[in-house]
Amino acid sequence: MCDLCLSAVLGKIRSAVGSAQLLMSQKFQQFRELCEENLNPNAHPRPISQDLAGFWDMLQLSIENISLKFDELHQLKANNWNPLTPPEIQERRMPPPVPKKPLKGHHPPLARDRSLESSERQRLEARKRLLAAKRAASVRQSSATESADSIEIYIPEAQTRL
């Protein structure tokens, strides 16, 4: 394996491990603190459940991003740590979101509930767009990196004047 390839693989390993450690050591702890503040009636400002849901969505995006990094590492390992060509890179498919179950004995939603459903629907749509944009950027980044390996630069010889 060439030194450039080795350093690229080591960089990917460090990135995946570092991202996972950051998520576990800081982001989940921050989420726990927000949950505790939400339960504390004396907390000021007190985060509401929508704040927690938004933070959790951001955590989910981070988890997905880290999973993609580790998936790429597994593919590299299966390829004997050689760089992957674009057809070998398999895009990881997200499972469909689990629909929320209606509460038993639930009566028709109030106007306030409808607005919450609308805002939640908008939040989920925004999350889907963000996930799609992140995936597209990741694919563009990896394909740009891989195609950069195959670029040849032609420098014409200097022309001499007579």
Protein backbone atom coordinates (compact mmCIF):
# COMPACT_ATOMS: atom_id res chain seq x y z
CA MET A 1 0.00 0.00 0.00
CA CYS A 2 1.39 3.41 -0.93
CA ASP A 3 2.15 5.98 1.76
CA LEU A 4 -0.52 8.32 0.40
CA CYS A 5 -3.13 5.55 0.54
CA LEU A 6 -2.03 4.56 4.03
CA SER A 7 -2.29 8.12 5.33
CA ALA A 8 -5.74 8.50 3.71
CA VAL A 9 -6.98 5.29 5.35
CA LEU A 10 -5.51 6.29 8.72
CA GLY A 11 -7.19 9.69 8.37
CA LYS A 12 -10.54 8.02 7.71
CA ILE A 13 -10.09 5.74 10.72
CA ARG A 14 -9.17 8.67 12.97
CA SER A 15 -12.11 10.68 11.68
CA ALA A 16 -14.62 7.89 12.31
CA VAL A 17 -13.28 7.06 15.78
CA GLY A 18 -12.96 10.71 16.79
CA SER A 19 -16.48 11.52 15.63
CA ALA A 20 -17.88 8.55 17.56
CA GLN A 21 -15.97 9.50 20.71
CA LEU A 22 -17.16 13.10 20.49
CA LEU A 23 -20.74 11.95 20.06
CA MET A 24 -20.59 9.61 23.05
CA SER A 25 -18.61 11.82 25.41
CA GLN A 26 -20.19 15.20 24.73
CA LYS A 27 -23.31 15.19 22.60
CA PHE A 28 -25.17 12.45 24.48
CA GLN A 29 -24.16 14.06 27.78
CA GLN A 30 -25.52 17.38 26.54
CA PHE A 31 -28.78 15.69 25.55
CA ARG A 32 -29.03 14.09 28.99
CA GLU A 33 -28.56 17.49 30.64
CA LEU A 34 -31.27 18.99 28.42
CA CYS A 35 -33.63 16.17 29.42
CA GLU A 36 -32.91 16.79 33.10
CA GLU A 37 -33.53 20.52 32.65
CA ASN A 38 -36.79 19.71 30.88
CA LEU A 39 -37.93 17.71 33.91
CA ASN A 40 -36.87 20.42 36.36
CA PRO A 41 -39.71 22.95 36.78
CA ASN A 42 -37.25 25.49 38.26
CA ALA A 43 -34.86 25.42 35.29
CA HIS A 44 -34.53 28.68 33.44
CA PRO A 45 -34.67 28.59 30.48
CA ARG A 46 -36.47 25.29 30.53
CA PRO A 47 -36.15 23.34 27.26
CA ILE A 48 -39.45 22.14 25.86
CA SER A 49 -40.08 18.77 24.26
CA GLN A 50 -39.73 20.31 20.78
CA ASP A 51 -36.21 21.45 21.73
CA LEU A 52 -35.38 17.92 22.81
CA ALA A 53 -36.83 16.50 19.60
CA GLY A 54 -34.77 18.92 17.51
CA PHE A 55 -31.58 18.09 19.40
CA TRP A 56 -32.33 14.37 19.04
CA ASP A 57 -32.76 14.84 15.28
CA MET A 58 -29.33 16.45 15.14
CA LEU A 59 -27.93 13.50 17.08
CA GLN A 60 -29.56 11.13 14.59
CA LEU A 61 -27.85 12.97 11.73
CA SER A 62 -24.52 12.65 13.51
CA ILE A 63 -25.12 8.96 14.13
CA GLU A 64 -25.97 8.43 10.46
CA ASN A 65 -22.84 10.30 9.39
CA ILE A 66 -20.65 8.21 11.71
CA SER A 67 -22.32 5.02 10.51
CA LEU A 68 -21.49 5.98 6.93
CA LYS A 69 -17.86 6.54 7.91
CA PHE A 70 -17.64 3.10 9.53
CA ASP A 71 -19.44 1.50 6.57
CA GLU A 72 -16.78 2.96 4.30
CA LEU A 73 -14.07 1.57 6.58
CA HIS A 74 -15.67 -1.89 6.42
CA GLN A 75 -15.70 -1.65 2.62
CA LEU A 76 -12.05 -0.58 2.60
CA LYS A 77 -11.14 -3.52 4.84
CA ALA A 78 -13.04 -5.92 2.57
CA ASN A 79 -11.08 -4.43 -0.35
CA ASN A 80 -7.78 -5.17 1.44
CA TRP A 81 -7.46 -1.46 2.42
CA ASN A 82 -7.15 -0.41 -1.21
CA PRO A 83 -9.02 2.71 -2.35
CA LEU A 84 -12.54 2.04 -3.54
CA THR A 85 -13.72 2.88 -7.01
CA PRO A 86 -17.13 4.60 -7.28
CA PRO A 87 -19.12 1.44 -8.25
CA GLU A 88 -17.70 -0.39 -5.20
CA ILE A 89 -19.01 2.24 -2.82
CA GLN A 90 -22.40 1.11 -1.64
CA GLU A 91 -24.76 3.77 -0.38
CA ARG A 92 -26.23 2.80 2.94
CA ARG A 93 -30.01 2.75 2.90
CA MET A 94 -31.93 4.22 5.79
CA PRO A 95 -34.77 2.14 7.17
CA PRO A 96 -38.13 3.83 6.75
CA PRO A 97 -39.10 5.97 9.74
CA VAL A 98 -41.30 4.30 12.30
CA PRO A 99 -44.71 5.98 12.32
CA LYS A 100 -45.92 7.30 15.64
CA LYS A 101 -48.66 5.20 17.17
CA PRO A 102 -51.88 7.02 18.04
CA LEU A 103 -52.74 7.04 21.71
CA LYS A 104 -55.52 4.73 22.87
CA GLY A 105 -58.78 6.55 23.47
CA HIS A 106 -57.43 9.48 21.49
CA HIS A 107 -60.13 11.89 20.46
CA PRO A 108 -59.98 14.17 17.41
CA PRO A 109 -57.03 16.57 17.58
CA LEU A 110 -57.55 20.08 18.82
CA ALA A 111 -56.49 23.02 16.68
CA ARG A 112 -53.34 23.33 18.81
CA ASP A 113 -52.55 19.65 18.20
CA ARG A 114 -53.02 20.12 14.47
CA SER A 115 -50.51 22.97 14.47
CA LEU A 116 -48.06 20.78 16.40
CA GLU A 117 -48.58 18.01 13.86
CA SER A 118 -47.97 20.52 11.09
CA SER A 119 -44.79 21.82 12.72
CA GLU A 120 -43.62 18.28 13.37
CA ARG A 121 -44.32 17.37 9.76
CA GLN A 122 -42.31 20.41 8.64
CA ARG A 123 -39.48 19.43 10.99
CA LEU A 124 -39.42 15.89 9.60
CA GLU A 125 -39.43 17.19 6.03
CA ALA A 126 -36.57 19.55 6.84
CA ARG A 127 -34.69 16.67 8.45
CA LYS A 128 -35.18 14.52 5.34
CA ARG A 129 -33.89 17.33 3.13
CA LEU A 130 -30.87 17.80 5.40
CA LEU A 131 -30.12 14.06 5.38
CA ALA A 132 -30.39 13.97 1.58
CA ALA A 133 -28.12 17.00 1.27
CA LYS A 134 -25.54 15.46 3.62
CA ARG A 135 -25.59 12.18 1.69
CA ALA A 136 -25.20 14.01 -1.61
CA ALA A 137 -22.31 16.06 -0.23
CA SER A 138 -20.67 12.92 1.12
CA VAL A 139 -20.98 11.18 -2.24
CA ARG A 140 -19.66 14.27 -4.04
CA GLN A 141 -16.75 14.50 -1.59
CA SER A 142 -15.81 10.85 -1.94
CA SER A 143 -16.16 10.86 -5.72
CA ALA A 144 -14.12 14.08 -5.97
CA THR A 145 -11.39 12.55 -3.83
CA GLU A 146 -11.36 9.36 -5.85
CA SER A 147 -11.45 11.11 -9.21
CA ALA A 148 -8.59 13.37 -8.10
CA ASP A 149 -6.40 10.26 -7.97
CA SER A 150 -6.94 9.66 -11.67
CA ILE A 151 -6.39 13.23 -12.91
CA GLU A 152 -3.42 13.79 -15.15
CA ILE A 153 -1.96 17.23 -15.60
CA TYR A 154 -0.47 18.08 -18.96
CA ILE A 155 2.14 20.81 -19.03
CA PRO A 156 3.19 21.76 -22.55
CA GLU A 157 6.86 22.27 -23.20
CA ALA A 158 7.97 25.86 -23.28
CA GLN A 159 7.94 27.23 -26.80
CA THR A 160 11.17 28.75 -27.97
CA ARG A 161 11.28 31.87 -30.08
CA LEU A 162 13.45 32.01 -33.15
